[in-house]
Amino acid sequence: MAQGKRKTQVEIRGNQFFINGQPTYAGRFWKGNKIEGLLMNSRMVQGVFDDLNPETVHNWEYPDTKTWDADRNTNEFVSQMPNWKAHGLLSFTINLQGGSPFGYSQSQPWINSAFTEQGDLRDDYFLRLEKILDRADELGMVPIVGFFYFGQDERFVDEKAVILAVENAVDWILNKGYSNVLIEVNNECNVRYDHEILQPERVHELINLVKSKEKNGRRLLVSTSYGGGAVPKENVVKYSDFILLHGNGVKDPNNITAQVEATRKVPGYTDQPIVYNEDDHFNFDQDLNNFTAATAAYASWGFFDYRMKDEGFESGYQSVPVDWGINSDRKKGFFKLLKEITGF
């Protein structure tokens, strides 16, 4: 599809997100809290998942077919996107190296990467990504595309391969003409990365690399994230177009408020939008939860759900194989509250 035919363009103006020249959730307030300009999202990182390790791929067999199917996974993802949007979801995080398909993992023997060890693109992954980004463009949604995930980054032979992977992915997105995509360089830069350029002290180099690449006068908006409860360091805050936070481990919603306030005090902060794009706390039936606390602090919030012990196939958006529908109690609880907050 030619760049001129793209339907959806995301911008940041001050601390607000705009889609096609209009603030998100225009004019919306909820319980006295401003919603306009926020970017409510969900962690849907496995949309292009595959496993190139023949010894572990059996872990992801669908219950009905007893086999794994990467194209089925992406097609079912795409089929559910209008349903998510109808509930007020304007964004989702999709990762080119996924996330733990068990929710959390110490070791990751599976091989899930849209990049080769040298940093080249794997065409099958990017064909699946294209299906998702095309549909998002049609629907007026703003995907957050994450490049790297700890536990998979060691597949790269060296730092040059990591840099090449960033250059190749950014070029691909720009050449396809997408104007609705945000970039997360890596998921939780302060957690177990092998390559120094993906660690907190240097990750801003990759943020600046993304910002340096333009096509037809347009560049991609970019950030990176830290682990749950962490406040980002000055180098990330200074160079990021928006600030990504994670709420994992933040059990008291009042500490969400404190995390947002502390982030706004980091040197280099210039009123960029603050976005949670991972939080595994729920309690959506209670007045005060991490979602409502972030909203009250004027920070966007993102739902992180995985299949917990003894739960069925319908549970969890990060656990593979994924049921992308809204049909578990947690999913229903999130989307019900999302719809109420956003007024969709």
C-alpha atoms as a PDB file:
ATOM      1  CA  MET A   1       0.000   0.000   0.000  1.00  0.00           C
ATOM      2  CA  ALA A   2       1.376   3.399  -0.938  1.00  0.00           C
ATOM      3  CA  GLN A   3       2.185   5.850   1.820  1.00  0.00           C
ATOM      4  CA  GLY A   4      -0.349   8.374   0.559  1.00  0.00           C
ATOM      5  CA  LYS A   5      -3.170   5.900   1.037  1.00  0.00           C
ATOM      6  CA  ARG A   6      -2.587   5.310   4.732  1.00  0.00           C
ATOM      7  CA  LYS A   7      -5.607   6.273   6.798  1.00  0.00           C
ATOM      8  CA  THR A   8      -4.210   6.761  10.296  1.00  0.00           C
ATOM      9  CA  GLN A   9      -1.590   9.184  11.568  1.00  0.00           C
ATOM     10  CA  VAL A  10      -0.490   9.493  15.185  1.00  0.00           C
ATOM     11  CA  GLU A  11       1.028  12.665  16.619  1.00  0.00           C
ATOM     12  CA  ILE A  12       2.041  13.894  20.037  1.00  0.00           C
ATOM     13  CA  ARG A  13       1.175  17.452  20.961  1.00  0.00           C
ATOM     14  CA  GLY A  14       2.330  18.357  24.448  1.00  0.00           C
ATOM     15  CA  ASN A  15       1.222  15.535  26.730  1.00  0.00           C
ATOM     16  CA  GLN A  16      -1.571  14.339  24.433  1.00  0.00           C
ATOM     17  CA  PHE A  17      -1.872  11.803  21.643  1.00  0.00           C
ATOM     18  CA  PHE A  18      -3.641  12.875  18.469  1.00  0.00           C
ATOM     19  CA  ILE A  19      -5.006  10.606  15.764  1.00  0.00           C
ATOM     20  CA  ASN A  20      -5.661  12.217  12.394  1.00  0.00           C
ATOM     21  CA  GLY A  21      -5.450  15.692  13.856  1.00  0.00           C
ATOM     22  CA  GLN A  22      -7.901  15.076  16.710  1.00  0.00           C
ATOM     23  CA  PRO A  23      -7.068  14.297  20.335  1.00  0.00           C
ATOM     24  CA  THR A  24      -7.886  10.745  21.344  1.00  0.00           C
ATOM     25  CA  TYR A  25     -11.195  10.348  23.208  1.00  0.00           C
ATOM     26  CA  ALA A  26     -11.969  13.970  22.318  1.00  0.00           C
ATOM     27  CA  GLY A  27     -13.825  15.843  25.047  1.00  0.00           C
ATOM     28  CA  ARG A  28     -14.045  12.809  27.307  1.00  0.00           C
ATOM     29  CA  PHE A  29     -13.967  13.069  31.096  1.00  0.00           C
ATOM     30  CA  TRP A  30     -14.653  10.193  33.499  1.00  0.00           C
ATOM     31  CA  LYS A  31     -15.366  10.774  37.192  1.00  0.00           C
ATOM     32  CA  GLY A  32     -13.781  14.190  36.865  1.00  0.00           C
ATOM     33  CA  ASN A  33     -10.649  12.836  35.207  1.00  0.00           C
ATOM     34  CA  LYS A  34      -9.573  13.999  31.774  1.00  0.00           C
ATOM     35  CA  ILE A  35      -9.415  11.113  29.311  1.00  0.00           C
ATOM     36  CA  GLU A  36      -8.864  13.142  26.154  1.00  0.00           C
ATOM     37  CA  GLY A  37      -5.355  12.660  24.817  1.00  0.00           C
ATOM     38  CA  LEU A  38      -4.668   9.321  26.534  1.00  0.00           C
ATOM     39  CA  LEU A  39      -3.780   6.096  24.720  1.00  0.00           C
ATOM     40  CA  MET A  40      -5.394   3.111  26.446  1.00  0.00           C
ATOM     41  CA  ASN A  41      -3.740  -0.116  25.402  1.00  0.00           C
ATOM     42  CA  SER A  42      -3.218  -3.818  25.973  1.00  0.00           C
ATOM     43  CA  ARG A  43      -0.152  -6.052  25.836  1.00  0.00           C
ATOM     44  CA  MET A  44      -0.791  -8.251  22.792  1.00  0.00           C
ATOM     45  CA  VAL A  45       2.871  -9.027  22.145  1.00  0.00           C
ATOM     46  CA  GLN A  46       2.431 -12.505  20.609  1.00  0.00           C
ATOM     47  CA  GLY A  47       0.615 -11.414  17.456  1.00  0.00           C
ATOM     48  CA  VAL A  48       3.485 -12.506  15.191  1.00  0.00           C
ATOM     49  CA  PHE A  49       4.802 -15.290  17.463  1.00  0.00           C
ATOM     50  CA  ASP A  50       6.535 -18.352  16.129  1.00  0.00           C
ATOM     51  CA  ASP A  51       9.036 -20.842  17.525  1.00  0.00           C
ATOM     52  CA  LEU A  52      11.980 -21.827  15.350  1.00  0.00           C
ATOM     53  CA  ASN A  53      13.197 -24.404  17.883  1.00  0.00           C
ATOM     54  CA  PRO A  54      11.831 -27.841  16.905  1.00  0.00           C
ATOM     55  CA  GLU A  55      12.411 -29.071  20.461  1.00  0.00           C
ATOM     56  CA  THR A  56      10.037 -26.535  22.057  1.00  0.00           C
ATOM     57  CA  VAL A  57       7.426 -25.774  19.364  1.00  0.00           C
ATOM     58  CA  HIS A  58       5.181 -28.563  20.687  1.00  0.00           C
ATOM     59  CA  ASN A  59       4.510 -26.390  23.767  1.00  0.00           C
ATOM     60  CA  TRP A  60       2.287 -24.121  21.710  1.00  0.00           C
ATOM     61  CA  GLU A  61      -0.111 -26.655  20.186  1.00  0.00           C
ATOM     62  CA  TYR A  62      -3.722 -25.502  19.843  1.00  0.00           C
ATOM     63  CA  PRO A  63      -6.113 -27.614  21.932  1.00  0.00           C
ATOM     64  CA  ASP A  64      -8.341 -28.383  18.936  1.00  0.00           C
ATOM     65  CA  THR A  65      -5.735 -29.241  16.276  1.00  0.00           C
ATOM     66  CA  LYS A  66      -2.819 -30.406  18.460  1.00  0.00           C
ATOM     67  CA  THR A  67      -0.436 -28.376  16.318  1.00  0.00           C
ATOM     68  CA  TRP A  68       1.058 -24.874  16.329  1.00  0.00           C
ATOM     69  CA  ASP A  69       0.146 -22.521  13.477  1.00  0.00           C
ATOM     70  CA  ALA A  70       1.744 -19.043  13.337  1.00  0.00           C
ATOM     71  CA  ASP A  71      -0.532 -17.832  10.533  1.00  0.00           C
ATOM     72  CA  ARG A  72      -3.657 -18.932  12.397  1.00  0.00           C
ATOM     73  CA  ASN A  73      -2.426 -16.991  15.429  1.00  0.00           C
ATOM     74  CA  THR A  74      -2.012 -13.778  13.420  1.00  0.00           C
ATOM     75  CA  ASN A  75      -5.280 -14.216  11.511  1.00  0.00           C
ATOM     76  CA  GLU A  76      -7.237 -14.710  14.732  1.00  0.00           C
ATOM     77  CA  PHE A  77      -5.497 -11.648  16.209  1.00  0.00           C
ATOM     78  CA  VAL A  78      -6.563  -9.540  13.225  1.00  0.00           C
ATOM     79  CA  SER A  79     -10.138 -10.819  13.402  1.00  0.00           C
ATOM     80  CA  GLN A  80     -10.496  -9.590  16.999  1.00  0.00           C
ATOM     81  CA  MET A  81      -9.053  -6.113  16.498  1.00  0.00           C
ATOM     82  CA  PRO A  82     -12.411  -4.463  15.651  1.00  0.00           C
ATOM     83  CA  ASN A  83     -13.868  -5.912  18.853  1.00  0.00           C
ATOM     84  CA  TRP A  84     -11.064  -4.415  20.943  1.00  0.00           C
ATOM     85  CA  LYS A  85     -11.464  -1.058  19.216  1.00  0.00           C
ATOM     86  CA  ALA A  86     -15.234  -1.092  19.837  1.00  0.00           C
ATOM     87  CA  HIS A  87     -14.481  -1.156  23.575  1.00  0.00           C
ATOM     88  CA  GLY A  88     -12.183   1.890  23.363  1.00  0.00           C
ATOM     89  CA  LEU A  89      -8.815   0.207  22.870  1.00  0.00           C
ATOM     90  CA  LEU A  90      -6.767   2.503  20.652  1.00  0.00           C
ATOM     91  CA  SER A  91      -3.380   0.842  21.057  1.00  0.00           C
ATOM     92  CA  PHE A  92      -1.671  -2.464  21.711  1.00  0.00           C
ATOM     93  CA  THR A  93       1.934  -3.531  22.108  1.00  0.00           C
ATOM     94  CA  ILE A  94       3.208  -6.115  19.645  1.00  0.00           C
ATOM     95  CA  ASN A  95       6.785  -7.355  19.988  1.00  0.00           C
ATOM     96  CA  LEU A  96       9.133  -8.636  17.305  1.00  0.00           C
ATOM     97  CA  GLN A  97      10.707 -10.961  19.872  1.00  0.00           C
ATOM     98  CA  GLY A  98       7.442 -11.584  21.725  1.00  0.00           C
ATOM     99  CA  GLY A  99       7.286 -11.999  25.479  1.00  0.00           C
ATOM    100  CA  SER A 100       7.302 -15.016  27.717  1.00  0.00           C
ATOM    101  CA  PRO A 101       4.558 -17.358  26.430  1.00  0.00           C
ATOM    102  CA  PHE A 102       4.198 -18.593  30.002  1.00  0.00           C
ATOM    103  CA  GLY A 103       3.721 -15.072  31.381  1.00  0.00           C
ATOM    104  CA  TYR A 104       7.034 -15.098  33.200  1.00  0.00           C
ATOM    105  CA  SER A 105      10.028 -17.363  32.545  1.00  0.00           C
ATOM    106  CA  GLN A 106      13.528 -17.850  33.917  1.00  0.00           C
ATOM    107  CA  SER A 107      14.871 -19.525  30.787  1.00  0.00           C
ATOM    108  CA  GLN A 108      13.694 -19.138  27.205  1.00  0.00           C
ATOM    109  CA  PRO A 109      14.807 -22.087  25.059  1.00  0.00           C
ATOM    110  CA  TRP A 110      12.285 -21.262  22.347  1.00  0.00           C
ATOM    111  CA  ILE A 111      13.430 -19.124  19.410  1.00  0.00           C
ATOM    112  CA  ASN A 112      10.984 -16.324  18.679  1.00  0.00           C
ATOM    113  CA  SER A 113      12.550 -13.467  16.756  1.00  0.00           C
ATOM    114  CA  ALA A 114      11.627 -11.490  13.675  1.00  0.00           C
ATOM    115  CA  PHE A 115      15.365 -10.955  13.154  1.00  0.00           C
ATOM    116  CA  THR A 116      18.163 -13.284  12.147  1.00  0.00           C
ATOM    117  CA  GLU A 117      21.267 -13.560  14.302  1.00  0.00           C
ATOM    118  CA  GLN A 118      22.927 -10.993  12.041  1.00  0.00           C
ATOM    119  CA  GLY A 119      20.057  -8.478  12.295  1.00  0.00           C
ATOM    120  CA  ASP A 120      18.322  -9.141   8.985  1.00  0.00           C
ATOM    121  CA  LEU A 121      14.525  -9.331   8.816  1.00  0.00           C
ATOM    122  CA  ARG A 122      12.698 -12.662   8.691  1.00  0.00           C
ATOM    123  CA  ASP A 123      10.170 -12.215   5.901  1.00  0.00           C
ATOM    124  CA  ASP A 124       7.491 -14.486   7.368  1.00  0.00           C
ATOM    125  CA  TYR A 125       7.392 -12.479  10.602  1.00  0.00           C
ATOM    126  CA  PHE A 126       7.130  -9.188   8.761  1.00  0.00           C
ATOM    127  CA  LEU A 127       4.375 -10.505   6.500  1.00  0.00           C
ATOM    128  CA  ARG A 128       2.386 -11.311   9.624  1.00  0.00           C
ATOM    129  CA  LEU A 129       3.233  -7.915  11.113  1.00  0.00           C
ATOM    130  CA  GLU A 130       2.051  -6.246   7.915  1.00  0.00           C
ATOM    131  CA  LYS A 131      -1.386  -7.869   8.268  1.00  0.00           C
ATOM    132  CA  ILE A 132      -1.700  -6.445  11.777  1.00  0.00           C
ATOM    133  CA  LEU A 133      -0.397  -2.954  10.984  1.00  0.00           C
ATOM    134  CA  ASP A 134      -2.566  -2.724   7.859  1.00  0.00           C
ATOM    135  CA  ARG A 135      -5.684  -3.584   9.873  1.00  0.00           C
ATOM    136  CA  ALA A 136      -4.706  -1.155  12.614  1.00  0.00           C
ATOM    137  CA  ASP A 137      -4.347   1.571  10.001  1.00  0.00           C
ATOM    138  CA  GLU A 138      -7.819   0.785   8.657  1.00  0.00           C
ATOM    139  CA  LEU A 139      -9.335   0.826  12.159  1.00  0.00           C
ATOM    140  CA  GLY A 140      -7.636   4.006  13.401  1.00  0.00           C
ATOM    141  CA  MET A 141      -5.499   2.170  15.953  1.00  0.00           C
ATOM    142  CA  VAL A 142      -1.928   2.956  17.048  1.00  0.00           C
ATOM    143  CA  PRO A 143       0.255  -0.120  17.610  1.00  0.00           C
ATOM    144  CA  ILE A 144       3.348   0.084  19.809  1.00  0.00           C
ATOM    145  CA  VAL A 145       5.891  -2.078  18.003  1.00  0.00           C
ATOM    146  CA  GLY A 146       8.558  -3.418  20.347  1.00  0.00           C
ATOM    147  CA  PHE A 147      11.810  -4.604  18.826  1.00  0.00           C
ATOM    148  CA  PHE A 148      13.655  -6.615  21.493  1.00  0.00           C
ATOM    149  CA  TYR A 149      12.860  -8.866  24.441  1.00  0.00           C
ATOM    150  CA  PHE A 150      15.257 -10.131  27.117  1.00  0.00           C
ATOM    151  CA  GLY A 151      15.850 -13.851  26.764  1.00  0.00           C
ATOM    152  CA  GLN A 152      15.826 -13.510  22.976  1.00  0.00           C
ATOM    153  CA  ASP A 153      18.303 -10.663  22.458  1.00  0.00           C
ATOM    154  CA  GLU A 154      21.232 -13.047  22.982  1.00  0.00           C
ATOM    155  CA  ARG A 155      20.333 -14.617  19.633  1.00  0.00           C
ATOM    156  CA  PHE A 156      22.164 -11.674  18.023  1.00  0.00           C
ATOM    157  CA  VAL A 157      25.832 -12.369  17.310  1.00  0.00           C
ATOM    158  CA  ASP A 158      27.007  -8.923  18.436  1.00  0.00           C
ATOM    159  CA  GLU A 159      26.094  -5.283  18.964  1.00  0.00           C
ATOM    160  CA  LYS A 160      26.405  -4.518  15.266  1.00  0.00           C
ATOM    161  CA  ALA A 161      23.614  -7.022  14.614  1.00  0.00           C
ATOM    162  CA  VAL A 162      21.373  -5.287  17.168  1.00  0.00           C
ATOM    163  CA  ILE A 163      21.981  -1.920  15.495  1.00  0.00           C
ATOM    164  CA  LEU A 164      21.336  -3.402  12.052  1.00  0.00           C
ATOM    165  CA  ALA A 165      18.095  -4.931  13.303  1.00  0.00           C
ATOM    166  CA  VAL A 166      16.894  -1.495  14.453  1.00  0.00           C
ATOM    167  CA  GLU A 167      17.871   0.093  11.152  1.00  0.00           C
ATOM    168  CA  ASN A 168      16.177  -2.631   9.121  1.00  0.00           C
ATOM    169  CA  ALA A 169      12.948  -2.601  11.144  1.00  0.00           C
ATOM    170  CA  VAL A 170      12.661   1.190  11.086  1.00  0.00           C
ATOM    171  CA  ASP A 171      13.362   1.298   7.351  1.00  0.00           C
ATOM    172  CA  TRP A 172      10.713  -1.363   6.745  1.00  0.00           C
ATOM    173  CA  ILE A 173       8.073   0.555   8.710  1.00  0.00           C
ATOM    174  CA  LEU A 174       8.928   3.866   7.045  1.00  0.00           C
ATOM    175  CA  ASN A 175       9.064   2.355   3.553  1.00  0.00           C
ATOM    176  CA  LYS A 176       5.627   0.793   4.071  1.00  0.00           C
ATOM    177  CA  GLY A 177       4.330   4.274   4.830  1.00  0.00           C
ATOM    178  CA  TYR A 178       2.890   3.533   8.257  1.00  0.00           C
ATOM    179  CA  SER A 179       2.128   6.731  10.133  1.00  0.00           C
ATOM    180  CA  ASN A 180       0.200   5.102  12.996  1.00  0.00           C
ATOM    181  CA  VAL A 181       3.097   3.216  14.657  1.00  0.00           C
ATOM    182  CA  LEU A 182       4.963   3.964  17.890  1.00  0.00           C
ATOM    183  CA  ILE A 183       8.266   2.238  18.708  1.00  0.00           C
ATOM    184  CA  GLU A 184       9.401   0.608  21.962  1.00  0.00           C
ATOM    185  CA  VAL A 185      13.089  -0.188  21.471  1.00  0.00           C
ATOM    186  CA  ASN A 186      13.080  -2.970  24.046  1.00  0.00           C
ATOM    187  CA  ASN A 187      10.856  -4.379  26.742  1.00  0.00           C
ATOM    188  CA  GLU A 188      12.244  -3.535  30.203  1.00  0.00           C
ATOM    189  CA  CYS A 189      15.752  -2.367  29.349  1.00  0.00           C
ATOM    190  CA  ASN A 190      16.908  -2.861  32.958  1.00  0.00           C
ATOM    191  CA  VAL A 191      16.165  -6.602  32.963  1.00  0.00           C
ATOM    192  CA  ARG A 192      18.747  -9.236  31.896  1.00  0.00           C
ATOM    193  CA  TYR A 193      19.864  -7.949  28.481  1.00  0.00           C
ATOM    194  CA  ASP A 194      23.096  -9.410  27.125  1.00  0.00           C
ATOM    195  CA  HIS A 195      24.048  -6.531  24.815  1.00  0.00           C
ATOM    196  CA  GLU A 196      25.159  -3.333  26.533  1.00  0.00           C
ATOM    197  CA  ILE A 197      23.422  -1.117  23.990  1.00  0.00           C
ATOM    198  CA  LEU A 198      20.096  -2.574  25.189  1.00  0.00           C
ATOM    199  CA  GLN A 199      20.858  -1.793  28.844  1.00  0.00           C
ATOM    200  CA  PRO A 200      19.808   1.399  30.696  1.00  0.00           C
ATOM    201  CA  GLU A 201      23.075   3.319  30.368  1.00  0.00           C
ATOM    202  CA  ARG A 202      23.184   3.102  26.559  1.00  0.00           C
ATOM    203  CA  VAL A 203      19.692   2.326  25.303  1.00  0.00           C
ATOM    204  CA  HIS A 204      19.172   6.002  24.471  1.00  0.00           C
ATOM    205  CA  GLU A 205      21.638   5.455  21.610  1.00  0.00           C
ATOM    206  CA  LEU A 206      19.050   3.235  19.923  1.00  0.00           C
ATOM    207  CA  ILE A 207      16.262   5.697  20.713  1.00  0.00           C
ATOM    208  CA  ASN A 208      18.277   8.372  18.916  1.00  0.00           C
ATOM    209  CA  LEU A 209      19.012   5.977  16.048  1.00  0.00           C
ATOM    210  CA  VAL A 210      15.273   5.497  15.505  1.00  0.00           C
ATOM    211  CA  LYS A 211      14.720   9.256  15.655  1.00  0.00           C
ATOM    212  CA  SER A 212      17.500   9.883  13.132  1.00  0.00           C
ATOM    213  CA  LYS A 213      15.842   7.920  10.330  1.00  0.00           C
ATOM    214  CA  GLU A 214      13.330   9.830   8.210  1.00  0.00           C
ATOM    215  CA  LYS A 215      11.379   9.293   5.025  1.00  0.00           C
ATOM    216  CA  ASN A 216       9.572  12.140   3.269  1.00  0.00           C
ATOM    217  CA  GLY A 217      10.216  14.355   6.284  1.00  0.00           C
ATOM    218  CA  ARG A 218       8.590  11.938   8.724  1.00  0.00           C
ATOM    219  CA  ARG A 219      10.153   9.891  11.510  1.00  0.00           C
ATOM    220  CA  LEU A 220       8.817   7.406  14.046  1.00  0.00           C
ATOM    221  CA  LEU A 221       7.935   8.305  17.636  1.00  0.00           C
ATOM    222  CA  VAL A 222       9.987   6.195  20.038  1.00  0.00           C
ATOM    223  CA  SER A 223      10.610   5.217  23.652  1.00  0.00           C
ATOM    224  CA  THR A 224      11.665   2.206  25.724  1.00  0.00           C
ATOM    225  CA  SER A 225      10.422   0.671  28.962  1.00  0.00           C
ATOM    226  CA  TYR A 226      11.754  -0.346  32.364  1.00  0.00           C
ATOM    227  CA  GLY A 227      10.697  -3.153  34.682  1.00  0.00           C
ATOM    228  CA  GLY A 228       7.689  -2.945  36.956  1.00  0.00           C
ATOM    229  CA  GLY A 229       7.614  -0.016  39.366  1.00  0.00           C
ATOM    230  CA  ALA A 230      10.845   1.517  38.043  1.00  0.00           C
ATOM    231  CA  VAL A 231      11.261   5.199  37.266  1.00  0.00           C
ATOM    232  CA  PRO A 232      13.214   5.710  34.021  1.00  0.00           C
ATOM    233  CA  LYS A 233      16.651   7.269  34.024  1.00  0.00           C
ATOM    234  CA  GLU A 234      17.393  10.752  32.724  1.00  0.00           C
ATOM    235  CA  ASN A 235      18.961   9.613  29.445  1.00  0.00           C
ATOM    236  CA  VAL A 236      15.795   7.763  28.425  1.00  0.00           C
ATOM    237  CA  VAL A 237      13.446  10.509  29.629  1.00  0.00           C
ATOM    238  CA  LYS A 238      15.431  13.200  27.823  1.00  0.00           C
ATOM    239  CA  TYR A 239      15.331  11.566  24.402  1.00  0.00           C
ATOM    240  CA  SER A 240      12.008   9.673  24.398  1.00  0.00           C
ATOM    241  CA  ASP A 241       8.964  11.077  22.616  1.00  0.00           C
ATOM    242  CA  PHE A 242       6.708   9.453  25.224  1.00  0.00           C
ATOM    243  CA  ILE A 243       7.521   7.710  28.511  1.00  0.00           C
ATOM    244  CA  LEU A 244       6.730   4.024  29.009  1.00  0.00           C
ATOM    245  CA  LEU A 245       6.145   2.682  32.525  1.00  0.00           C
ATOM    246  CA  HIS A 246       5.310  -0.794  33.825  1.00  0.00           C
ATOM    247  CA  GLY A 247       3.124  -1.518  36.833  1.00  0.00           C
ATOM    248  CA  ASN A 248       4.127  -5.115  37.501  1.00  0.00           C
ATOM    249  CA  GLY A 249       4.860  -5.553  41.206  1.00  0.00           C
ATOM    250  CA  VAL A 250       2.983  -2.351  42.108  1.00  0.00           C
ATOM    251  CA  LYS A 251       0.292  -3.866  44.315  1.00  0.00           C
ATOM    252  CA  ASP A 252      -0.931  -0.622  45.890  1.00  0.00           C
ATOM    253  CA  PRO A 253      -2.612   1.631  43.303  1.00  0.00           C
ATOM    254  CA  ASN A 254      -1.422   4.669  45.247  1.00  0.00           C
ATOM    255  CA  ASN A 255       2.112   3.698  44.254  1.00  0.00           C
ATOM    256  CA  ILE A 256       1.087   3.995  40.601  1.00  0.00           C
ATOM    257  CA  THR A 257       0.339   7.638  41.327  1.00  0.00           C
ATOM    258  CA  ALA A 258       3.706   7.990  43.070  1.00  0.00           C
ATOM    259  CA  GLN A 259       5.519   6.371  40.121  1.00  0.00           C
ATOM    260  CA  VAL A 260       3.934   8.807  37.675  1.00  0.00           C
ATOM    261  CA  GLU A 261       4.753  11.784  39.904  1.00  0.00           C
ATOM    262  CA  ALA A 262       8.369  10.641  40.303  1.00  0.00           C
ATOM    263  CA  THR A 263       8.722  10.209  36.534  1.00  0.00           C
ATOM    264  CA  ARG A 264       7.548  13.766  35.948  1.00  0.00           C
ATOM    265  CA  LYS A 265      10.342  14.985  38.247  1.00  0.00           C
ATOM    266  CA  VAL A 266      13.164  13.238  36.370  1.00  0.00           C
ATOM    267  CA  PRO A 267      15.577  15.777  34.847  1.00  0.00           C
ATOM    268  CA  GLY A 268      14.957  16.057  31.127  1.00  0.00           C
ATOM    269  CA  TYR A 269      11.211  15.452  31.389  1.00  0.00           C
ATOM    270  CA  THR A 270       9.385  17.929  29.152  1.00  0.00           C
ATOM    271  CA  ASP A 271       5.728  16.979  29.655  1.00  0.00           C
ATOM    272  CA  GLN A 272       5.801  13.969  27.330  1.00  0.00           C
ATOM    273  CA  PRO A 273       2.802  11.626  27.559  1.00  0.00           C
ATOM    274  CA  ILE A 274       3.210   8.854  30.122  1.00  0.00           C
ATOM    275  CA  VAL A 275       1.987   5.426  29.073  1.00  0.00           C
ATOM    276  CA  TYR A 276       1.795   2.196  31.036  1.00  0.00           C
ATOM    277  CA  ASN A 277       2.002  -0.611  28.493  1.00  0.00           C
ATOM    278  CA  GLU A 278       2.341  -3.486  30.954  1.00  0.00           C
ATOM    279  CA  ASP A 279       0.580  -4.047  34.270  1.00  0.00           C
ATOM    280  CA  ASP A 280      -0.627  -7.393  35.596  1.00  0.00           C
ATOM    281  CA  HIS A 281      -2.940  -6.000  38.262  1.00  0.00           C
ATOM    282  CA  PHE A 282      -6.683  -6.190  37.850  1.00  0.00           C
ATOM    283  CA  ASN A 283      -9.489  -5.671  40.452  1.00  0.00           C
ATOM    284  CA  PHE A 284     -11.488  -3.942  37.745  1.00  0.00           C
ATOM    285  CA  ASP A 285     -14.676  -4.119  39.837  1.00  0.00           C
ATOM    286  CA  GLN A 286     -13.120  -1.917  42.535  1.00  0.00           C
ATOM    287  CA  ASP A 287     -13.146   1.876  42.447  1.00  0.00           C
ATOM    288  CA  LEU A 288      -9.394   2.067  43.054  1.00  0.00           C
ATOM    289  CA  ASN A 289      -7.147  -0.162  40.983  1.00  0.00           C
ATOM    290  CA  ASN A 290      -3.985   0.381  38.954  1.00  0.00           C
ATOM    291  CA  PHE A 291      -6.004   1.282  35.859  1.00  0.00           C
ATOM    292  CA  THR A 292      -8.091   3.947  37.596  1.00  0.00           C
ATOM    293  CA  ALA A 293      -5.068   5.245  39.535  1.00  0.00           C
ATOM    294  CA  ALA A 294      -3.083   5.756  36.331  1.00  0.00           C
ATOM    295  CA  THR A 295      -6.076   7.419  34.711  1.00  0.00           C
ATOM    296  CA  ALA A 296      -6.472   9.824  37.640  1.00  0.00           C
ATOM    297  CA  ALA A 297      -2.770  10.709  37.283  1.00  0.00           C
ATOM    298  CA  TYR A 298      -3.332  11.411  33.562  1.00  0.00           C
ATOM    299  CA  ALA A 299      -1.288   8.431  32.420  1.00  0.00           C
ATOM    300  CA  SER A 300      -2.452   5.941  29.806  1.00  0.00           C
ATOM    301  CA  TRP A 301      -2.744   2.341  31.024  1.00  0.00           C
ATOM    302  CA  GLY A 302      -2.077  -1.044  29.459  1.00  0.00           C
ATOM    303  CA  PHE A 303      -3.509  -4.447  30.411  1.00  0.00           C
ATOM    304  CA  PHE A 304      -1.066  -7.375  30.771  1.00  0.00           C
ATOM    305  CA  ASP A 305      -2.826 -10.729  31.038  1.00  0.00           C
ATOM    306  CA  TYR A 306      -1.368 -14.232  30.939  1.00  0.00           C
ATOM    307  CA  ARG A 307      -2.759 -17.707  31.519  1.00  0.00           C
ATOM    308  CA  MET A 308      -2.323 -18.554  35.175  1.00  0.00           C
ATOM    309  CA  LYS A 309      -2.094 -21.976  36.821  1.00  0.00           C
ATOM    310  CA  ASP A 310      -4.954 -24.312  35.888  1.00  0.00           C
ATOM    311  CA  GLU A 311      -6.700 -21.693  33.722  1.00  0.00           C
ATOM    312  CA  GLY A 312      -8.242 -22.574  30.379  1.00  0.00           C
ATOM    313  CA  PHE A 313      -7.335 -21.660  26.810  1.00  0.00           C
ATOM    314  CA  GLU A 314      -9.541 -18.542  26.875  1.00  0.00           C
ATOM    315  CA  SER A 315      -7.372 -16.903  29.559  1.00  0.00           C
ATOM    316  CA  GLY A 316      -4.395 -14.640  28.947  1.00  0.00           C
ATOM    317  CA  TYR A 317      -3.234 -12.592  25.959  1.00  0.00           C
ATOM    318  CA  GLN A 318       0.474 -13.377  26.387  1.00  0.00           C
ATOM    319  CA  SER A 319       0.224 -17.146  26.807  1.00  0.00           C
ATOM    320  CA  VAL A 320       0.643 -19.190  23.623  1.00  0.00           C
ATOM    321  CA  PRO A 321      -1.472 -20.483  22.012  1.00  0.00           C
ATOM    322  CA  VAL A 322      -3.594 -17.360  22.446  1.00  0.00           C
ATOM    323  CA  ASP A 323      -7.354 -16.994  22.395  1.00  0.00           C
ATOM    324  CA  TRP A 324      -7.583 -13.387  21.175  1.00  0.00           C
ATOM    325  CA  GLY A 325     -11.261 -13.027  22.069  1.00  0.00           C
ATOM    326  CA  ILE A 326     -12.802 -11.241  25.058  1.00  0.00           C
ATOM    327  CA  ASN A 327     -14.109 -14.276  26.870  1.00  0.00           C
ATOM    328  CA  SER A 328     -12.406 -14.769  30.235  1.00  0.00           C
ATOM    329  CA  ASP A 329     -13.497 -12.971  33.400  1.00  0.00           C
ATOM    330  CA  ARG A 330     -10.327 -10.843  33.482  1.00  0.00           C
ATOM    331  CA  LYS A 331     -10.593  -9.865  29.843  1.00  0.00           C
ATOM    332  CA  LYS A 332     -14.271  -9.010  30.254  1.00  0.00           C
ATOM    333  CA  GLY A 333     -13.495  -6.985  33.375  1.00  0.00           C
ATOM    334  CA  PHE A 334     -10.806  -4.951  31.642  1.00  0.00           C
ATOM    335  CA  PHE A 335     -12.791  -4.237  28.503  1.00  0.00           C
ATOM    336  CA  LYS A 336     -15.932  -3.349  30.475  1.00  0.00           C
ATOM    337  CA  LEU A 337     -14.039  -0.766  32.517  1.00  0.00           C
ATOM    338  CA  LEU A 338     -12.193   0.445  29.416  1.00  0.00           C
ATOM    339  CA  LYS A 339     -15.463   1.045  27.630  1.00  0.00           C
ATOM    340  CA  GLU A 340     -16.832   2.926  30.634  1.00  0.00           C
ATOM    341  CA  ILE A 341     -13.748   5.130  31.019  1.00  0.00           C
ATOM    342  CA  THR A 342     -13.383   5.950  27.327  1.00  0.00           C
ATOM    343  CA  GLY A 343     -17.103   6.401  26.614  1.00  0.00           C
ATOM    344  CA  PHE A 344     -17.075   4.088  23.590  1.00  0.00           C
END
